[in-house]
Amino acid sequence: MKIKYAIDFFLLVFRRESGAEILPFAIIFPILLMFFSFALDGAYFQSNRARLADAMNQGVLAIAINDCCDYVADKECAVKHGNKEANEKVLSHYLNYYLPNVTFTGNDLDVIISLNRDNAKKLT
């Protein structure tokens, strides 16, 4: 008998609902989805940006270590010694490793090496 009263009370409570909550839910839910998608896109963008910065840092360090122009005063040393293509190839390998979904071609990359010397003729 108590179960019957509980079921009747349960049905009576939900019969009184008029659906007044559906309208605010229908307005707020798409807005919540929009903010959620902005958050995911922003996180993806920041992740790719950090990976690009890491790839550029590692690639530039690799070029600086392997370049033969460290102690030559000529700023066009990389072009004269034929290292420009090798430097671009090293940088493209780093970029393609860190960002496998993005394709970098030779036209997208330009490696410019400039040497700065202070008054004591030390390379900086």
PDB file of N, CA and C in Angstrom:
ATOM      1  N   MET A   1       0.804  -1.184   0.000  1.00  0.00           N
ATOM      2  CA  MET A   1       0.000   0.000   0.000  1.00  0.00           C
ATOM      3  C   MET A   1       0.861   1.267   0.000  1.00  0.00           C
ATOM      4  N   LYS A   2       1.967   1.223   0.780  1.00  0.00           N
ATOM      5  CA  LYS A   2       2.830   2.392   0.836  1.00  0.00           C
ATOM      6  C   LYS A   2       3.512   2.620  -0.509  1.00  0.00           C
ATOM      7  N   ILE A   3       3.812   1.553  -1.214  1.00  0.00           N
ATOM      8  CA  ILE A   3       4.457   1.689  -2.514  1.00  0.00           C
ATOM      9  C   ILE A   3       3.514   2.372  -3.496  1.00  0.00           C
ATOM     10  N   LYS A   4       2.234   2.026  -3.433  1.00  0.00           N
ATOM     11  CA  LYS A   4       1.260   2.649  -4.328  1.00  0.00           C
ATOM     12  C   LYS A   4       1.176   4.146  -4.078  1.00  0.00           C
ATOM     13  N   TYR A   5       1.169   4.546  -2.800  1.00  0.00           N
ATOM     14  CA  TYR A   5       1.137   5.979  -2.482  1.00  0.00           C
ATOM     15  C   TYR A   5       2.413   6.690  -2.936  1.00  0.00           C
ATOM     16  N   ALA A   6       3.535   6.012  -2.808  1.00  0.00           N
ATOM     17  CA  ALA A   6       4.800   6.614  -3.230  1.00  0.00           C
ATOM     18  C   ALA A   6       4.810   6.823  -4.745  1.00  0.00           C
ATOM     19  N   ILE A   7       4.301   5.834  -5.489  1.00  0.00           N
ATOM     20  CA  ILE A   7       4.254   5.963  -6.949  1.00  0.00           C
ATOM     21  C   ILE A   7       3.279   7.053  -7.352  1.00  0.00           C
ATOM     22  N   ASP A   8       2.127   7.114  -6.698  1.00  0.00           N
ATOM     23  CA  ASP A   8       1.160   8.174  -7.010  1.00  0.00           C
ATOM     24  C   ASP A   8       1.734   9.553  -6.700  1.00  0.00           C
ATOM     25  N   PHE A   9       2.434   9.676  -5.584  1.00  0.00           N
ATOM     26  CA  PHE A   9       3.041  10.957  -5.230  1.00  0.00           C
ATOM     27  C   PHE A   9       4.111  11.341  -6.256  1.00  0.00           C
ATOM     28  N   PHE A  10       4.904  10.363  -6.677  1.00  0.00           N
ATOM     29  CA  PHE A  10       5.958  10.603  -7.667  1.00  0.00           C
ATOM     30  C   PHE A  10       5.359  11.082  -8.986  1.00  0.00           C
ATOM     31  N   LEU A  11       4.312  10.422  -9.444  1.00  0.00           N
ATOM     32  CA  LEU A  11       3.666  10.821 -10.690  1.00  0.00           C
ATOM     33  C   LEU A  11       2.967  12.168 -10.555  1.00  0.00           C
ATOM     34  N   LEU A  12       2.423  12.442  -9.403  1.00  0.00           N
ATOM     35  CA  LEU A  12       1.732  13.709  -9.178  1.00  0.00           C
ATOM     36  C   LEU A  12       2.729  14.878  -9.199  1.00  0.00           C
ATOM     37  N   VAL A  13       3.879  14.659  -8.605  1.00  0.00           N
ATOM     38  CA  VAL A  13       4.888  15.717  -8.584  1.00  0.00           C
ATOM     39  C   VAL A  13       5.355  16.034 -10.002  1.00  0.00           C
ATOM     40  N   PHE A  14       5.604  15.031 -10.825  1.00  0.00           N
ATOM     41  CA  PHE A  14       6.102  15.274 -12.172  1.00  0.00           C
ATOM     42  C   PHE A  14       5.011  15.676 -13.151  1.00  0.00           C
ATOM     43  N   ARG A  15       3.766  15.444 -12.821  1.00  0.00           N
ATOM     44  CA  ARG A  15       2.683  15.939 -13.668  1.00  0.00           C
ATOM     45  C   ARG A  15       2.512  17.442 -13.520  1.00  0.00           C
ATOM     46  N   ARG A  16       2.894  17.985 -12.394  1.00  0.00           N
ATOM     47  CA  ARG A  16       2.741  19.418 -12.169  1.00  0.00           C
ATOM     48  C   ARG A  16       3.797  20.230 -12.919  1.00  0.00           C
ATOM     49  N   GLU A  17       4.863  19.578 -13.351  1.00  0.00           N
ATOM     50  CA  GLU A  17       5.902  20.300 -14.078  1.00  0.00           C
ATOM     51  C   GLU A  17       5.332  20.782 -15.409  1.00  0.00           C
ATOM     52  N   SER A  18       5.600  22.029 -15.720  1.00  0.00           N
ATOM     53  CA  SER A  18       5.048  22.595 -16.952  1.00  0.00           C
ATOM     54  C   SER A  18       6.095  22.753 -18.042  1.00  0.00           C
ATOM     55  N   GLY A  19       7.357  22.370 -17.784  1.00  0.00           N
ATOM     56  CA  GLY A  19       8.419  22.500 -18.773  1.00  0.00           C
ATOM     57  C   GLY A  19       9.016  23.896 -18.809  1.00  0.00           C
ATOM     58  N   ALA A  20       8.922  24.625 -17.730  1.00  0.00           N
ATOM     59  CA  ALA A  20       9.445  25.988 -17.697  1.00  0.00           C
ATOM     60  C   ALA A  20      10.967  26.017 -17.719  1.00  0.00           C
ATOM     61  N   GLU A  21      11.604  24.916 -17.379  1.00  0.00           N
ATOM     62  CA  GLU A  21      13.067  24.885 -17.383  1.00  0.00           C
ATOM     63  C   GLU A  21      13.636  24.629 -18.771  1.00  0.00           C
ATOM     64  N   ILE A  22      12.824  24.195 -19.702  1.00  0.00           N
ATOM     65  CA  ILE A  22      13.325  23.853 -21.025  1.00  0.00           C
ATOM     66  C   ILE A  22      13.774  25.098 -21.782  1.00  0.00           C
ATOM     67  N   LEU A  23      13.089  26.185 -21.648  1.00  0.00           N
ATOM     68  CA  LEU A  23      13.450  27.398 -22.372  1.00  0.00           C
ATOM     69  C   LEU A  23      14.822  27.940 -21.941  1.00  0.00           C
ATOM     70  N   PRO A  24      15.100  28.129 -20.647  1.00  0.00           N
ATOM     71  CA  PRO A  24      16.461  28.569 -20.290  1.00  0.00           C
ATOM     72  C   PRO A  24      17.541  27.552 -20.675  1.00  0.00           C
ATOM     73  N   PHE A  25      17.210  26.269 -20.557  1.00  0.00           N
ATOM     74  CA  PHE A  25      18.175  25.240 -20.954  1.00  0.00           C
ATOM     75  C   PHE A  25      18.460  25.325 -22.447  1.00  0.00           C
ATOM     76  N   ALA A  26      17.425  25.546 -23.247  1.00  0.00           N
ATOM     77  CA  ALA A  26      17.602  25.645 -24.699  1.00  0.00           C
ATOM     78  C   ALA A  26      18.418  26.881 -25.075  1.00  0.00           C
ATOM     79  N   ILE A  27      18.377  27.910 -24.266  1.00  0.00           N
ATOM     80  CA  ILE A  27      19.159  29.112 -24.546  1.00  0.00           C
ATOM     81  C   ILE A  27      20.590  28.968 -24.045  1.00  0.00           C
ATOM     82  N   ILE A  28      20.772  28.409 -22.864  1.00  0.00           N
ATOM     83  CA  ILE A  28      22.086  28.351 -22.230  1.00  0.00           C
ATOM     84  C   ILE A  28      22.951  27.217 -22.775  1.00  0.00           C
ATOM     85  N   PHE A  29      22.369  26.093 -23.148  1.00  0.00           N
ATOM     86  CA  PHE A  29      23.155  24.940 -23.576  1.00  0.00           C
ATOM     87  C   PHE A  29      24.018  25.235 -24.804  1.00  0.00           C
ATOM     88  N   PRO A  30      23.504  25.863 -25.871  1.00  0.00           N
ATOM     89  CA  PRO A  30      24.389  26.183 -27.004  1.00  0.00           C
ATOM     90  C   PRO A  30      25.518  27.155 -26.621  1.00  0.00           C
ATOM     91  N   ILE A  31      25.226  28.073 -25.717  1.00  0.00           N
ATOM     92  CA  ILE A  31      26.264  29.001 -25.266  1.00  0.00           C
ATOM     93  C   ILE A  31      27.354  28.241 -24.512  1.00  0.00           C
ATOM     94  N   LEU A  32      26.974  27.289 -23.683  1.00  0.00           N
ATOM     95  CA  LEU A  32      27.951  26.471 -22.976  1.00  0.00           C
ATOM     96  C   LEU A  32      28.787  25.642 -23.946  1.00  0.00           C
ATOM     97  N   LEU A  33      28.143  25.090 -24.953  1.00  0.00           N
ATOM     98  CA  LEU A  33      28.897  24.339 -25.973  1.00  0.00           C
ATOM     99  C   LEU A  33      29.872  25.234 -26.728  1.00  0.00           C
ATOM    100  N   MET A  34      29.454  26.474 -27.000  1.00  0.00           N
ATOM    101  CA  MET A  34      30.325  27.405 -27.694  1.00  0.00           C
ATOM    102  C   MET A  34      31.567  27.716 -26.852  1.00  0.00           C
ATOM    103  N   PHE A  35      31.384  28.000 -25.572  1.00  0.00           N
ATOM    104  CA  PHE A  35      32.530  28.286 -24.706  1.00  0.00           C
ATOM    105  C   PHE A  35      33.436  27.069 -24.553  1.00  0.00           C
ATOM    106  N   PHE A  36      32.842  25.897 -24.490  1.00  0.00           N
ATOM    107  CA  PHE A  36      33.633  24.673 -24.395  1.00  0.00           C
ATOM    108  C   PHE A  36      34.468  24.481 -25.666  1.00  0.00           C
ATOM    109  N   SER A  37      33.878  24.727 -26.826  1.00  0.00           N
ATOM    110  CA  SER A  37      34.631  24.575 -28.073  1.00  0.00           C
ATOM    111  C   SER A  37      35.732  25.634 -28.175  1.00  0.00           C
ATOM    112  N   PHE A  38      35.467  26.869 -27.709  1.00  0.00           N
ATOM    113  CA  PHE A  38      36.520  27.890 -27.686  1.00  0.00           C
ATOM    114  C   PHE A  38      37.666  27.468 -26.781  1.00  0.00           C
ATOM    115  N   ALA A  39      37.352  26.864 -25.667  1.00  0.00           N
ATOM    116  CA  ALA A  39      38.395  26.414 -24.740  1.00  0.00           C
ATOM    117  C   ALA A  39      39.236  25.313 -25.378  1.00  0.00           C
ATOM    118  N   LEU A  40      38.609  24.366 -26.050  1.00  0.00           N
ATOM    119  CA  LEU A  40      39.358  23.300 -26.716  1.00  0.00           C
ATOM    120  C   LEU A  40      40.216  23.845 -27.855  1.00  0.00           C
ATOM    121  N   ASP A  41      39.663  24.742 -28.662  1.00  0.00           N
ATOM    122  CA  ASP A  41      40.437  25.327 -29.756  1.00  0.00           C
ATOM    123  C   ASP A  41      41.606  26.148 -29.229  1.00  0.00           C
ATOM    124  N   GLY A  42      41.377  26.887 -28.148  1.00  0.00           N
ATOM    125  CA  GLY A  42      42.456  27.673 -27.557  1.00  0.00           C
ATOM    126  C   GLY A  42      43.565  26.798 -27.014  1.00  0.00           C
ATOM    127  N   ALA A  43      43.205  25.704 -26.383  1.00  0.00           N
ATOM    128  CA  ALA A  43      44.213  24.780 -25.860  1.00  0.00           C
ATOM    129  C   ALA A  43      45.001  24.142 -26.998  1.00  0.00           C
ATOM    130  N   TYR A  44      44.320  23.779 -28.079  1.00  0.00           N
ATOM    131  CA  TYR A  44      44.996  23.205 -29.243  1.00  0.00           C
ATOM    132  C   TYR A  44      45.948  24.226 -29.874  1.00  0.00           C
ATOM    133  N   PHE A  45      45.489  25.467 -29.981  1.00  0.00           N
ATOM    134  CA  PHE A  45      46.330  26.525 -30.543  1.00  0.00           C
ATOM    135  C   PHE A  45      47.570  26.750 -29.686  1.00  0.00           C
ATOM    136  N   GLN A  46      47.401  26.826 -28.377  1.00  0.00           N
ATOM    137  CA  GLN A  46      48.538  27.051 -27.484  1.00  0.00           C
ATOM    138  C   GLN A  46      49.521  25.877 -27.528  1.00  0.00           C
ATOM    139  N   SER A  47      48.993  24.671 -27.637  1.00  0.00           N
ATOM    140  CA  SER A  47      49.854  23.500 -27.721  1.00  0.00           C
ATOM    141  C   SER A  47      50.695  23.534 -28.999  1.00  0.00           C
ATOM    142  N   ASN A  48      50.065  23.824 -30.127  1.00  0.00           N
ATOM    143  CA  ASN A  48      50.809  23.898 -31.390  1.00  0.00           C
ATOM    144  C   ASN A  48      51.793  25.063 -31.391  1.00  0.00           C
ATOM    145  N   ARG A  49      51.415  26.156 -30.764  1.00  0.00           N
ATOM    146  CA  ARG A  49      52.322  27.297 -30.688  1.00  0.00           C
ATOM    147  C   ARG A  49      53.562  26.951 -29.857  1.00  0.00           C
ATOM    148  N   ALA A  50      53.363  26.256 -28.757  1.00  0.00           N
ATOM    149  CA  ALA A  50      54.501  25.850 -27.925  1.00  0.00           C
ATOM    150  C   ALA A  50      55.381  24.842 -28.663  1.00  0.00           C
ATOM    151  N   ARG A  51      54.767  23.919 -29.406  1.00  0.00           N
ATOM    152  CA  ARG A  51      55.551  22.946 -30.170  1.00  0.00           C
ATOM    153  C   ARG A  51      56.350  23.637 -31.275  1.00  0.00           C
ATOM    154  N   LEU A  52      55.759  24.653 -31.914  1.00  0.00           N
ATOM    155  CA  LEU A  52      56.481  25.399 -32.945  1.00  0.00           C
ATOM    156  C   LEU A  52      57.664  26.142 -32.330  1.00  0.00           C
ATOM    157  N   ALA A  53      57.466  26.746 -31.166  1.00  0.00           N
ATOM    158  CA  ALA A  53      58.574  27.450 -30.505  1.00  0.00           C
ATOM    159  C   ALA A  53      59.687  26.477 -30.126  1.00  0.00           C
ATOM    160  N   ASP A  54      59.322  25.298 -29.625  1.00  0.00           N
ATOM    161  CA  ASP A  54      60.336  24.288 -29.298  1.00  0.00           C
ATOM    162  C   ASP A  54      61.091  23.838 -30.544  1.00  0.00           C
ATOM    163  N   ALA A  55      60.372  23.624 -31.635  1.00  0.00           N
ATOM    164  CA  ALA A  55      61.010  23.188 -32.878  1.00  0.00           C
ATOM    165  C   ALA A  55      61.963  24.254 -33.391  1.00  0.00           C
ATOM    166  N   MET A  56      61.560  25.509 -33.341  1.00  0.00           N
ATOM    167  CA  MET A  56      62.436  26.577 -33.816  1.00  0.00           C
ATOM    168  C   MET A  56      63.674  26.702 -32.934  1.00  0.00           C
ATOM    169  N   ASN A  57      63.497  26.611 -31.623  1.00  0.00           N
ATOM    170  CA  ASN A  57      64.650  26.699 -30.723  1.00  0.00           C
ATOM    171  C   ASN A  57      65.639  25.563 -30.972  1.00  0.00           C
ATOM    172  N   GLN A  58      65.132  24.357 -31.064  1.00  0.00           N
ATOM    173  CA  GLN A  58      66.016  23.213 -31.291  1.00  0.00           C
ATOM    174  C   GLN A  58      66.675  23.281 -32.668  1.00  0.00           C
ATOM    175  N   GLY A  59      65.913  23.679 -33.681  1.00  0.00           N
ATOM    176  CA  GLY A  59      66.478  23.780 -35.025  1.00  0.00           C
ATOM    177  C   GLY A  59      67.555  24.852 -35.126  1.00  0.00           C
ATOM    178  N   VAL A  60      67.328  25.988 -34.493  1.00  0.00           N
ATOM    179  CA  VAL A  60      68.325  27.061 -34.527  1.00  0.00           C
ATOM    180  C   VAL A  60      69.589  26.639 -33.777  1.00  0.00           C
ATOM    181  N   LEU A  61      69.419  25.956 -32.662  1.00  0.00           N
ATOM    182  CA  LEU A  61      70.598  25.468 -31.938  1.00  0.00           C
ATOM    183  C   LEU A  61      71.363  24.434 -32.759  1.00  0.00           C
ATOM    184  N   ALA A  62      70.649  23.568 -33.455  1.00  0.00           N
ATOM    185  CA  ALA A  62      71.322  22.572 -34.295  1.00  0.00           C
ATOM    186  C   ALA A  62      72.069  23.237 -35.446  1.00  0.00           C
ATOM    187  N   ILE A  63      71.479  24.262 -36.033  1.00  0.00           N
ATOM    188  CA  ILE A  63      72.159  24.989 -37.118  1.00  0.00           C
ATOM    189  C   ILE A  63      73.389  25.695 -36.574  1.00  0.00           C
ATOM    190  N   ALA A  64      73.259  26.306 -35.405  1.00  0.00           N
ATOM    191  CA  ALA A  64      74.398  27.021 -34.819  1.00  0.00           C
ATOM    192  C   ALA A  64      75.545  26.073 -34.491  1.00  0.00           C
ATOM    193  N   ILE A  65      75.225  24.874 -34.052  1.00  0.00           N
ATOM    194  CA  ILE A  65      76.282  23.914 -33.711  1.00  0.00           C
ATOM    195  C   ILE A  65      76.944  23.362 -34.971  1.00  0.00           C
ATOM    196  N   ASN A  66      76.167  23.050 -36.005  1.00  0.00           N
ATOM    197  CA  ASN A  66      76.705  22.412 -37.208  1.00  0.00           C
ATOM    198  C   ASN A  66      77.237  23.384 -38.248  1.00  0.00           C
ATOM    199  N   ASP A  67      76.977  24.674 -38.086  1.00  0.00           N
ATOM    200  CA  ASP A  67      77.379  25.640 -39.098  1.00  0.00           C
ATOM    201  C   ASP A  67      78.880  25.890 -39.030  1.00  0.00           C
ATOM    202  N   CYS A  68      79.531  25.982 -40.194  1.00  0.00           N
ATOM    203  CA  CYS A  68      80.981  26.191 -40.236  1.00  0.00           C
ATOM    204  C   CYS A  68      81.349  27.663 -40.159  1.00  0.00           C
ATOM    205  N   CYS A  69      80.371  28.540 -40.085  1.00  0.00           N
ATOM    206  CA  CYS A  69      80.618  29.980 -40.146  1.00  0.00           C
ATOM    207  C   CYS A  69      80.693  30.625 -38.769  1.00  0.00           C
ATOM    208  N   ASP A  70      80.949  29.856 -37.747  1.00  0.00           N
ATOM    209  CA  ASP A  70      80.931  30.429 -36.410  1.00  0.00           C
ATOM    210  C   ASP A  70      81.974  31.527 -36.233  1.00  0.00           C
ATOM    211  N   TYR A  71      83.153  31.339 -36.789  1.00  0.00           N
ATOM    212  CA  TYR A  71      84.229  32.290 -36.548  1.00  0.00           C
ATOM    213  C   TYR A  71      84.679  33.003 -37.811  1.00  0.00           C
ATOM    214  N   VAL A  72      83.822  33.059 -38.794  1.00  0.00           N
ATOM    215  CA  VAL A  72      84.132  33.768 -40.027  1.00  0.00           C
ATOM    216  C   VAL A  72      83.373  35.090 -39.993  1.00  0.00           C
ATOM    217  N   ALA A  73      84.039  36.162 -40.314  1.00  0.00           N
ATOM    218  CA  ALA A  73      83.418  37.485 -40.215  1.00  0.00           C
ATOM    219  C   ALA A  73      82.435  37.761 -41.342  1.00  0.00           C
ATOM    220  N   ASP A  74      82.466  36.956 -42.409  1.00  0.00           N
ATOM    221  CA  ASP A  74      81.595  37.194 -43.550  1.00  0.00           C
ATOM    222  C   ASP A  74      80.166  36.787 -43.211  1.00  0.00           C
ATOM    223  N   LYS A  75      79.203  37.706 -43.378  1.00  0.00           N
ATOM    224  CA  LYS A  75      77.811  37.413 -43.050  1.00  0.00           C
ATOM    225  C   LYS A  75      77.154  36.501 -44.084  1.00  0.00           C
ATOM    226  N   GLU A  76      77.725  36.422 -45.275  1.00  0.00           N
ATOM    227  CA  GLU A  76      77.171  35.575 -46.317  1.00  0.00           C
ATOM    228  C   GLU A  76      77.875  34.223 -46.374  1.00  0.00           C
ATOM    229  N   CYS A  77      78.476  33.817 -45.296  1.00  0.00           N
ATOM    230  CA  CYS A  77      79.261  32.582 -45.268  1.00  0.00           C
ATOM    231  C   CYS A  77      78.411  31.367 -45.596  1.00  0.00           C
ATOM    232  N   ALA A  78      77.212  31.336 -45.093  1.00  0.00           N
ATOM    233  CA  ALA A  78      76.355  30.169 -45.317  1.00  0.00           C
ATOM    234  C   ALA A  78      76.040  29.997 -46.793  1.00  0.00           C
ATOM    235  N   VAL A  79      75.888  31.094 -47.503  1.00  0.00           N
ATOM    236  CA  VAL A  79      75.598  31.009 -48.935  1.00  0.00           C
ATOM    237  C   VAL A  79      76.853  30.614 -49.701  1.00  0.00           C
ATOM    238  N   LYS A  80      77.996  31.196 -49.326  1.00  0.00           N
ATOM    239  CA  LYS A  80      79.251  30.913 -50.039  1.00  0.00           C
ATOM    240  C   LYS A  80      79.697  29.458 -49.868  1.00  0.00           C
ATOM    241  N   HIS A  81      79.505  28.911 -48.686  1.00  0.00           N
ATOM    242  CA  HIS A  81      79.964  27.546 -48.435  1.00  0.00           C
ATOM    243  C   HIS A  81      78.897  26.503 -48.764  1.00  0.00           C
ATOM    244  N   GLY A  82      77.760  26.922 -49.247  1.00  0.00           N
ATOM    245  CA  GLY A  82      76.719  25.985 -49.639  1.00  0.00           C
ATOM    246  C   GLY A  82      75.954  25.400 -48.463  1.00  0.00           C
ATOM    247  N   ASN A  83      76.001  26.073 -47.313  1.00  0.00           N
ATOM    248  CA  ASN A  83      75.302  25.546 -46.138  1.00  0.00           C
ATOM    249  C   ASN A  83      73.858  26.001 -46.045  1.00  0.00           C
ATOM    250  N   LYS A  84      73.440  26.920 -46.907  1.00  0.00           N
ATOM    251  CA  LYS A  84      72.071  27.429 -46.824  1.00  0.00           C
ATOM    252  C   LYS A  84      71.048  26.310 -46.995  1.00  0.00           C
ATOM    253  N   GLU A  85      71.243  25.473 -47.990  1.00  0.00           N
ATOM    254  CA  GLU A  85      70.307  24.371 -48.220  1.00  0.00           C
ATOM    255  C   GLU A  85      70.369  23.356 -47.080  1.00  0.00           C
ATOM    256  N   ALA A  86      71.582  23.103 -46.585  1.00  0.00           N
ATOM    257  CA  ALA A  86      71.724  22.155 -45.473  1.00  0.00           C
ATOM    258  C   ALA A  86      71.066  22.694 -44.217  1.00  0.00           C
ATOM    259  N   ASN A  87      71.214  23.999 -43.973  1.00  0.00           N
ATOM    260  CA  ASN A  87      70.586  24.607 -42.802  1.00  0.00           C
ATOM    261  C   ASN A  87      69.064  24.550 -42.894  1.00  0.00           C
ATOM    262  N   GLU A  88      68.534  24.842 -44.075  1.00  0.00           N
ATOM    263  CA  GLU A  88      67.084  24.770 -44.260  1.00  0.00           C
ATOM    264  C   GLU A  88      66.585  23.337 -44.120  1.00  0.00           C
ATOM    265  N   LYS A  89      67.378  22.384 -44.562  1.00  0.00           N
ATOM    266  CA  LYS A  89      66.996  20.975 -44.438  1.00  0.00           C
ATOM    267  C   LYS A  89      66.958  20.551 -42.963  1.00  0.00           C
ATOM    268  N   VAL A  90      67.955  20.988 -42.196  1.00  0.00           N
ATOM    269  CA  VAL A  90      67.972  20.669 -40.757  1.00  0.00           C
ATOM    270  C   VAL A  90      66.771  21.280 -40.065  1.00  0.00           C
ATOM    271  N   LEU A  91      66.482  22.540 -40.375  1.00  0.00           N
ATOM    272  CA  LEU A  91      65.345  23.210 -39.746  1.00  0.00           C
ATOM    273  C   LEU A  91      64.025  22.561 -40.146  1.00  0.00           C
ATOM    274  N   SER A  92      63.895  22.167 -41.416  1.00  0.00           N
ATOM    275  CA  SER A  92      62.649  21.519 -41.843  1.00  0.00           C
ATOM    276  C   SER A  92      62.480  20.156 -41.176  1.00  0.00           C
ATOM    277  N   HIS A  93      63.584  19.444 -40.917  1.00  0.00           N
ATOM    278  CA  HIS A  93      63.479  18.165 -40.206  1.00  0.00           C
ATOM    279  C   HIS A  93      62.966  18.381 -38.785  1.00  0.00           C
ATOM    280  N   TYR A  94      63.475  19.383 -38.098  1.00  0.00           N
ATOM    281  CA  TYR A  94      63.004  19.669 -36.743  1.00  0.00           C
ATOM    282  C   TYR A  94      61.532  20.088 -36.746  1.00  0.00           C
ATOM    283  N   LEU A  95      61.164  20.951 -37.679  1.00  0.00           N
ATOM    284  CA  LEU A  95      59.774  21.401 -37.738  1.00  0.00           C
ATOM    285  C   LEU A  95      58.828  20.250 -38.063  1.00  0.00           C
ATOM    286  N   ASN A  96      59.217  19.387 -38.985  1.00  0.00           N
ATOM    287  CA  ASN A  96      58.358  18.251 -39.338  1.00  0.00           C
ATOM    288  C   ASN A  96      58.287  17.221 -38.218  1.00  0.00           C
ATOM    289  N   TYR A  97      59.323  17.141 -37.405  1.00  0.00           N
ATOM    290  CA  TYR A  97      59.282  16.212 -36.276  1.00  0.00           C
ATOM    291  C   TYR A  97      58.350  16.735 -35.176  1.00  0.00           C
ATOM    292  N   TYR A  98      58.473  18.007 -34.858  1.00  0.00           N
ATOM    293  CA  TYR A  98      57.662  18.570 -33.779  1.00  0.00           C
ATOM    294  C   TYR A  98      56.218  18.801 -34.190  1.00  0.00           C
ATOM    295  N   LEU A  99      55.985  19.102 -35.450  1.00  0.00           N
ATOM    296  CA  LEU A  99      54.632  19.334 -35.965  1.00  0.00           C
ATOM    297  C   LEU A  99      54.383  18.401 -37.138  1.00  0.00           C
ATOM    298  N   PRO A 100      54.057  17.133 -36.870  1.00  0.00           N
ATOM    299  CA  PRO A 100      53.931  16.159 -37.969  1.00  0.00           C
ATOM    300  C   PRO A 100      52.732  16.410 -38.881  1.00  0.00           C
ATOM    301  N   ASN A 101      51.721  17.145 -38.411  1.00  0.00           N
ATOM    302  CA  ASN A 101      50.532  17.371 -39.237  1.00  0.00           C
ATOM    303  C   ASN A 101      50.693  18.553 -40.185  1.00  0.00           C
ATOM    304  N   VAL A 102      51.780  19.297 -40.061  1.00  0.00           N
ATOM    305  CA  VAL A 102      52.023  20.473 -40.893  1.00  0.00           C
ATOM    306  C   VAL A 102      53.201  20.159 -41.814  1.00  0.00           C
ATOM    307  N   THR A 103      53.062  20.503 -43.081  1.00  0.00           N
ATOM    308  CA  THR A 103      54.124  20.253 -44.042  1.00  0.00           C
ATOM    309  C   THR A 103      54.855  21.563 -44.319  1.00  0.00           C
ATOM    310  N   PHE A 104      56.161  21.551 -44.122  1.00  0.00           N
ATOM    311  CA  PHE A 104      56.998  22.711 -44.403  1.00  0.00           C
ATOM    312  C   PHE A 104      57.818  22.425 -45.646  1.00  0.00           C
ATOM    313  N   THR A 105      57.767  23.322 -46.599  1.00  0.00           N
ATOM    314  CA  THR A 105      58.557  23.169 -47.814  1.00  0.00           C
ATOM    315  C   THR A 105      59.745  24.123 -47.761  1.00  0.00           C
ATOM    316  N   GLY A 106      60.605  24.016 -48.736  1.00  0.00           N
ATOM    317  CA  GLY A 106      61.774  24.886 -48.787  1.00  0.00           C
ATOM    318  C   GLY A 106      61.407  26.348 -48.989  1.00  0.00           C
ATOM    319  N   ASN A 107      60.268  26.597 -49.631  1.00  0.00           N
ATOM    320  CA  ASN A 107      59.840  27.980 -49.848  1.00  0.00           C
ATOM    321  C   ASN A 107      59.339  28.632 -48.570  1.00  0.00           C
ATOM    322  N   ASP A 108      58.943  27.822 -47.598  1.00  0.00           N
ATOM    323  CA  ASP A 108      58.420  28.361 -46.346  1.00  0.00           C
ATOM    324  C   ASP A 108      59.530  28.761 -45.379  1.00  0.00           C
ATOM    325  N   LEU A 109      60.731  28.268 -45.609  1.00  0.00           N
ATOM    326  CA  LEU A 109      61.821  28.476 -44.666  1.00  0.00           C
ATOM    327  C   LEU A 109      62.881  29.389 -45.257  1.00  0.00           C
ATOM    328  N   ASP A 110      63.418  30.236 -44.405  1.00  0.00           N
ATOM    329  CA  ASP A 110      64.532  31.087 -44.799  1.00  0.00           C
ATOM    330  C   ASP A 110      65.447  31.212 -43.597  1.00  0.00           C
ATOM    331  N   VAL A 111      66.620  30.637 -43.702  1.00  0.00           N
ATOM    332  CA  VAL A 111      67.584  30.666 -42.614  1.00  0.00           C
ATOM    333  C   VAL A 111      68.550  31.809 -42.873  1.00  0.00           C
ATOM    334  N   ILE A 112      68.567  32.770 -41.970  1.00  0.00           N
ATOM    335  CA  ILE A 112      69.444  33.930 -42.088  1.00  0.00           C
ATOM    336  C   ILE A 112      70.418  33.897 -40.925  1.00  0.00           C
ATOM    337  N   ILE A 113      71.687  33.851 -41.235  1.00  0.00           N
ATOM    338  CA  ILE A 113      72.714  33.818 -40.199  1.00  0.00           C
ATOM    339  C   ILE A 113      73.411  35.167 -40.187  1.00  0.00           C
ATOM    340  N   SER A 114      73.416  35.782 -39.034  1.00  0.00           N
ATOM    341  CA  SER A 114      74.143  37.046 -38.905  1.00  0.00           C
ATOM    342  C   SER A 114      75.083  36.930 -37.717  1.00  0.00           C
ATOM    343  N   LEU A 115      76.282  37.424 -37.912  1.00  0.00           N
ATOM    344  CA  LEU A 115      77.284  37.363 -36.867  1.00  0.00           C
ATOM    345  C   LEU A 115      77.460  38.745 -36.267  1.00  0.00           C
ATOM    346  N   ASN A 116      77.487  38.806 -34.979  1.00  0.00           N
ATOM    347  CA  ASN A 116      77.711  40.066 -34.280  1.00  0.00           C
ATOM    348  C   ASN A 116      79.002  39.947 -33.486  1.00  0.00           C
ATOM    349  N   ARG A 117      79.857  40.916 -33.651  1.00  0.00           N
ATOM    350  CA  ARG A 117      81.109  40.922 -32.900  1.00  0.00           C
ATOM    351  C   ARG A 117      81.159  42.194 -32.070  1.00  0.00           C
ATOM    352  N   ASP A 118      81.654  42.058 -30.870  1.00  0.00           N
ATOM    353  CA  ASP A 118      81.806  43.225 -30.016  1.00  0.00           C
ATOM    354  C   ASP A 118      83.174  43.872 -30.256  1.00  0.00           C
ATOM    355  N   ASN A 119      83.542  44.846 -29.469  1.00  0.00           N
ATOM    356  CA  ASN A 119      84.803  45.573 -29.667  1.00  0.00           C
ATOM    357  C   ASN A 119      86.035  44.698 -29.468  1.00  0.00           C
ATOM    358  N   ALA A 120      85.925  43.652 -28.671  1.00  0.00           N
ATOM    359  CA  ALA A 120      87.055  42.755 -28.417  1.00  0.00           C
ATOM    360  C   ALA A 120      87.150  41.664 -29.469  1.00  0.00           C
ATOM    361  N   LYS A 121      86.400  41.798 -30.573  1.00  0.00           N
ATOM    362  CA  LYS A 121      86.386  40.819 -31.680  1.00  0.00           C
ATOM    363  C   LYS A 121      85.918  39.430 -31.228  1.00  0.00           C
ATOM    364  N   LYS A 122      85.032  39.416 -30.256  1.00  0.00           N
ATOM    365  CA  LYS A 122      84.470  38.150 -29.807  1.00  0.00           C
ATOM    366  C   LYS A 122      83.105  37.976 -30.444  1.00  0.00           C
ATOM    367  N   LEU A 123      82.820  36.774 -30.839  1.00  0.00           N
ATOM    368  CA  LEU A 123      81.537  36.461 -31.461  1.00  0.00           C
ATOM    369  C   LEU A 123      80.449  36.434 -30.406  1.00  0.00           C
ATOM    370  N   THR A 124      79.362  37.137 -30.679  1.00  0.00           N
ATOM    371  CA  THR A 124      78.227  37.137 -29.738  1.00  0.00           C
ATOM    372  C   THR A 124      76.989  36.638 -30.451  1.00  0.00           C
TER     373      THR A 124
END
